[in-house]
Amino acid sequence: LPNLPGIDLQLGLSHVAGNVPLYLQLLRRFLHSQHHAINQLRQHISQGERGAAIRDAHTLRGVGANIGAHELTHAAKTLERALNNPRTNLPGTSAERHLKALESVLSSLLSALHRYFNNQDQLLQEQAQQGLADPAQAEDLKSIDLGGAQAQLARLLAESDAEAVDYFKLLQPHLAAHHGNHEVARLAHAIDEYEFDLALQRLAALTPK
């Protein structure tokens, strides 16, 4: 697991019963879902929409706590408390100060997550390419039992096993040849996002082209 600024990994993992693939799925989902959180908060504050700003800060506080991001949780809680105070003007210097503190913490965390997942995706791609370039492995893949391979992939997805990512990378060209690029690309997207339940549904829905 990555060493991420402001995240207590043990605390985050405790929320998913130690399930590392599921935790990574939560981290990736957090990366994509909170990318525009500060801009949205700033817009609500600048327009004096106190209720909406409070809800946004509360949401960020909750998702931060869910992944063990204690610094983010604290910064969001501080902003939420300030927004709940009717003496805090919107817009105003106090709200903006707390928002900037939250922005700094969130920006650092999102940057770290972006680097980590980019590196992981690149590594997986390189490993898949190396595997396919291996003559013995390439020969094995020519005579692959696609039905059996799909059953194995389904088992890995059902168990939220991170090995499903590597296994799928090796199967992907064969699945695309049999089922078509579009459907397999949708499956690939779900697996890349660690949406294993969705990937399992899309795998089951594949039909020969």
Protein backbone atom coordinates (compact mmCIF):
# COMPACT_ATOMS: atom_id res chain seq x y z
CA LEU A 1 0.00 0.00 0.00
CA PRO A 2 1.19 3.54 -0.72
CA ASN A 3 2.54 5.85 1.94
CA LEU A 4 0.07 8.71 1.54
CA PRO A 5 0.27 12.08 3.33
CA GLY A 6 -2.37 12.54 5.98
CA ILE A 7 -3.80 9.01 5.74
CA ASP A 8 -3.83 6.45 8.52
CA LEU A 9 -3.76 3.24 6.47
CA GLN A 10 -4.57 1.01 9.42
CA LEU A 11 -7.60 3.11 10.26
CA GLY A 12 -8.76 3.13 6.64
CA LEU A 13 -8.32 -0.62 6.32
CA SER A 14 -10.24 -1.18 9.56
CA HIS A 15 -13.30 0.32 7.86
CA VAL A 16 -13.23 -2.44 5.21
CA ALA A 17 -12.27 -5.32 7.50
CA GLY A 18 -8.70 -5.32 6.15
CA ASN A 19 -9.81 -5.89 2.55
CA VAL A 20 -6.95 -4.26 0.60
CA PRO A 21 -8.53 -4.44 -2.91
CA LEU A 22 -11.72 -2.87 -1.57
CA TYR A 23 -9.72 -0.15 0.20
CA LEU A 24 -7.84 0.62 -3.01
CA GLN A 25 -11.18 0.79 -4.77
CA LEU A 26 -12.34 3.38 -2.20
CA LEU A 27 -9.16 5.40 -2.69
CA ARG A 28 -9.54 5.42 -6.47
CA ARG A 29 -13.21 6.37 -6.17
CA PHE A 30 -12.24 9.18 -3.77
CA LEU A 31 -9.68 10.45 -6.28
CA HIS A 32 -12.27 10.74 -9.04
CA SER A 33 -15.22 11.95 -6.97
CA GLN A 34 -13.50 14.71 -4.97
CA HIS A 35 -11.49 16.30 -7.76
CA HIS A 36 -13.83 19.33 -7.98
CA ALA A 37 -14.89 19.45 -4.33
CA ILE A 38 -13.05 22.67 -3.49
CA ASN A 39 -14.31 24.53 -6.55
CA GLN A 40 -17.86 23.55 -5.67
CA LEU A 41 -17.42 24.63 -2.06
CA ARG A 42 -15.89 27.93 -3.11
CA GLN A 43 -18.78 28.60 -5.47
CA HIS A 44 -21.37 27.97 -2.75
CA ILE A 45 -19.51 30.17 -0.29
CA SER A 46 -19.04 33.01 -2.78
CA GLN A 47 -22.78 32.93 -3.55
CA GLY A 48 -23.75 32.86 0.12
CA GLU A 49 -25.31 29.39 -0.13
CA ARG A 50 -24.63 28.38 3.45
CA GLY A 51 -26.71 25.20 3.50
CA ALA A 52 -25.11 23.80 0.35
CA ALA A 53 -21.62 24.68 1.58
CA ILE A 54 -22.29 22.97 4.93
CA ARG A 55 -23.50 19.83 3.16
CA ASP A 56 -20.40 19.77 0.93
CA ALA A 57 -18.05 20.18 3.88
CA HIS A 58 -19.91 17.47 5.81
CA THR A 59 -19.71 15.10 2.83
CA LEU A 60 -15.97 15.67 2.47
CA ARG A 61 -15.55 15.13 6.19
CA GLY A 62 -17.39 11.80 5.92
CA VAL A 63 -15.55 10.40 2.91
CA GLY A 64 -12.26 11.54 4.41
CA ALA A 65 -13.00 9.66 7.63
CA ASN A 66 -13.99 6.59 5.61
CA ILE A 67 -10.53 6.27 4.05
CA GLY A 68 -8.65 7.24 7.21
CA ALA A 69 -7.64 10.72 6.00
CA HIS A 70 -7.47 12.31 9.46
CA GLU A 71 -5.97 15.64 8.35
CA LEU A 72 -8.62 16.07 5.70
CA THR A 73 -11.36 15.08 8.14
CA HIS A 74 -10.14 17.65 10.66
CA ALA A 75 -9.89 20.43 8.06
CA ALA A 76 -13.39 19.67 6.71
CA LYS A 77 -14.80 19.54 10.25
CA THR A 78 -13.24 22.92 11.04
CA LEU A 79 -14.76 24.48 7.94
CA GLU A 80 -18.14 22.87 8.63
CA ARG A 81 -18.12 24.27 12.17
CA ALA A 82 -17.28 27.75 10.88
CA LEU A 83 -20.04 27.60 8.28
CA ASN A 84 -22.55 26.54 10.94
CA ASN A 85 -21.71 29.68 12.90
CA PRO A 86 -24.12 32.45 11.79
CA ARG A 87 -21.40 34.98 12.61
CA THR A 88 -19.28 33.62 9.76
CA ASN A 89 -19.98 35.89 6.80
CA LEU A 90 -20.43 34.36 3.35
CA PRO A 91 -18.37 35.25 1.52
CA GLY A 92 -15.85 36.38 4.10
CA THR A 93 -12.24 36.13 5.22
CA SER A 94 -12.89 33.52 7.93
CA ALA A 95 -14.64 31.09 5.60
CA GLU A 96 -12.01 31.59 2.92
CA ARG A 97 -9.20 30.97 5.41
CA HIS A 98 -10.68 27.65 6.48
CA LEU A 99 -11.41 26.74 2.87
CA LYS A 100 -7.79 27.39 1.86
CA ALA A 101 -6.56 25.15 4.69
CA LEU A 102 -8.88 22.40 3.48
CA GLU A 103 -7.78 22.96 -0.12
CA SER A 104 -4.12 22.54 0.80
CA VAL A 105 -4.73 19.20 2.54
CA LEU A 106 -7.02 17.84 -0.17
CA SER A 107 -4.74 18.95 -3.02
CA SER A 108 -1.77 17.18 -1.45
CA LEU A 109 -3.76 13.99 -0.97
CA LEU A 110 -5.24 13.98 -4.47
CA SER A 111 -1.80 14.56 -6.02
CA ALA A 112 -0.35 11.63 -4.08
CA LEU A 113 -3.24 9.36 -5.09
CA HIS A 114 -2.93 10.43 -8.72
CA ARG A 115 0.79 9.59 -8.78
CA TYR A 116 0.24 6.25 -7.07
CA PHE A 117 -2.51 5.02 -9.38
CA ASN A 118 -0.73 6.28 -12.49
CA ASN A 119 2.38 4.36 -11.47
CA GLN A 120 0.35 1.25 -10.66
CA ASP A 121 -1.50 1.34 -13.98
CA GLN A 122 1.75 1.81 -15.89
CA LEU A 123 3.39 -1.07 -14.02
CA LEU A 124 0.46 -3.39 -14.71
CA GLN A 125 0.54 -2.46 -18.40
CA GLU A 126 4.26 -3.13 -18.62
CA GLN A 127 3.88 -6.47 -16.86
CA ALA A 128 1.10 -7.47 -19.23
CA GLN A 129 3.16 -6.48 -22.26
CA GLN A 130 6.16 -8.41 -20.97
CA GLY A 131 3.99 -11.44 -20.34
CA LEU A 132 2.52 -11.34 -23.83
CA ALA A 133 5.99 -10.86 -25.31
CA ASP A 134 7.20 -14.07 -23.67
CA PRO A 135 7.14 -16.76 -26.42
CA ALA A 136 6.14 -19.60 -24.11
CA GLN A 137 3.35 -17.57 -22.51
CA ALA A 138 2.17 -16.29 -25.88
CA GLU A 139 1.94 -19.89 -27.11
CA ASP A 140 -0.08 -20.83 -24.02
CA LEU A 141 -2.46 -17.97 -24.67
CA LYS A 142 -3.07 -19.10 -28.25
CA SER A 143 -4.59 -22.32 -27.01
CA ILE A 144 -6.34 -20.77 -24.02
CA ASP A 145 -9.61 -22.20 -22.79
CA LEU A 146 -11.49 -18.90 -22.88
CA GLY A 147 -14.48 -20.27 -21.00
CA GLY A 148 -12.28 -21.57 -18.21
CA ALA A 149 -10.29 -18.36 -18.16
CA GLN A 150 -13.47 -16.28 -17.85
CA ALA A 151 -14.60 -18.50 -14.98
CA GLN A 152 -11.27 -17.92 -13.24
CA LEU A 153 -11.54 -14.17 -13.77
CA ALA A 154 -15.10 -14.26 -12.39
CA ARG A 155 -13.86 -16.06 -9.28
CA LEU A 156 -11.13 -13.48 -8.69
CA LEU A 157 -13.60 -10.62 -9.15
CA ALA A 158 -16.14 -12.22 -6.82
CA GLU A 159 -13.46 -12.53 -4.15
CA SER A 160 -12.26 -8.92 -4.70
CA ASP A 161 -8.83 -10.37 -5.41
CA ALA A 162 -6.40 -7.76 -6.76
CA GLU A 163 -4.89 -10.50 -8.94
CA ALA A 164 -7.95 -10.01 -11.16
CA VAL A 165 -6.33 -6.87 -12.57
CA ASP A 166 -3.20 -8.65 -13.79
CA TYR A 167 -5.16 -11.69 -14.96
CA PHE A 168 -7.52 -9.53 -16.99
CA LYS A 169 -4.62 -7.70 -18.68
CA LEU A 170 -3.41 -11.03 -20.08
CA LEU A 171 -6.89 -12.09 -21.17
CA GLN A 172 -7.98 -8.75 -22.60
CA PRO A 173 -6.85 -9.22 -26.24
CA HIS A 174 -8.46 -12.68 -26.36
CA LEU A 175 -11.68 -11.44 -24.82
CA ALA A 176 -11.76 -8.54 -27.30
CA ALA A 177 -11.23 -10.89 -30.23
CA HIS A 178 -14.12 -13.06 -29.09
CA HIS A 179 -16.55 -10.51 -27.65
CA GLY A 180 -15.63 -7.25 -29.38
CA ASN A 181 -13.60 -4.23 -28.31
CA HIS A 182 -16.50 -2.11 -27.05
CA GLU A 183 -17.86 -4.54 -24.46
CA VAL A 184 -14.41 -5.55 -23.27
CA ALA A 185 -13.40 -1.88 -22.96
CA ARG A 186 -16.37 -1.37 -20.63
CA LEU A 187 -15.22 -4.35 -18.60
CA ALA A 188 -11.66 -2.98 -18.56
CA HIS A 189 -12.88 0.37 -17.24
CA ALA A 190 -14.70 -1.28 -14.34
CA ILE A 191 -11.66 -3.37 -13.43
CA ASP A 192 -9.29 -0.41 -13.71
CA GLU A 193 -11.55 1.47 -11.29
CA TYR A 194 -11.55 -1.54 -8.92
CA GLU A 195 -15.34 -1.72 -9.36
CA PHE A 196 -15.20 -5.49 -9.09
CA ASP A 197 -18.94 -6.01 -8.55
CA LEU A 198 -19.72 -4.02 -11.69
CA ALA A 199 -16.94 -5.82 -13.58
CA LEU A 200 -18.44 -9.17 -12.58
CA GLN A 201 -21.80 -8.09 -14.02
CA ARG A 202 -20.19 -6.91 -17.26
CA LEU A 203 -18.16 -10.09 -17.55
CA ALA A 204 -21.31 -12.19 -17.18
CA ALA A 205 -23.04 -10.09 -19.85
CA LEU A 206 -20.36 -10.67 -22.51
CA THR A 207 -21.62 -12.38 -25.67
CA PRO A 208 -19.69 -13.55 -28.75
CA LYS A 209 -19.52 -10.86 -31.42
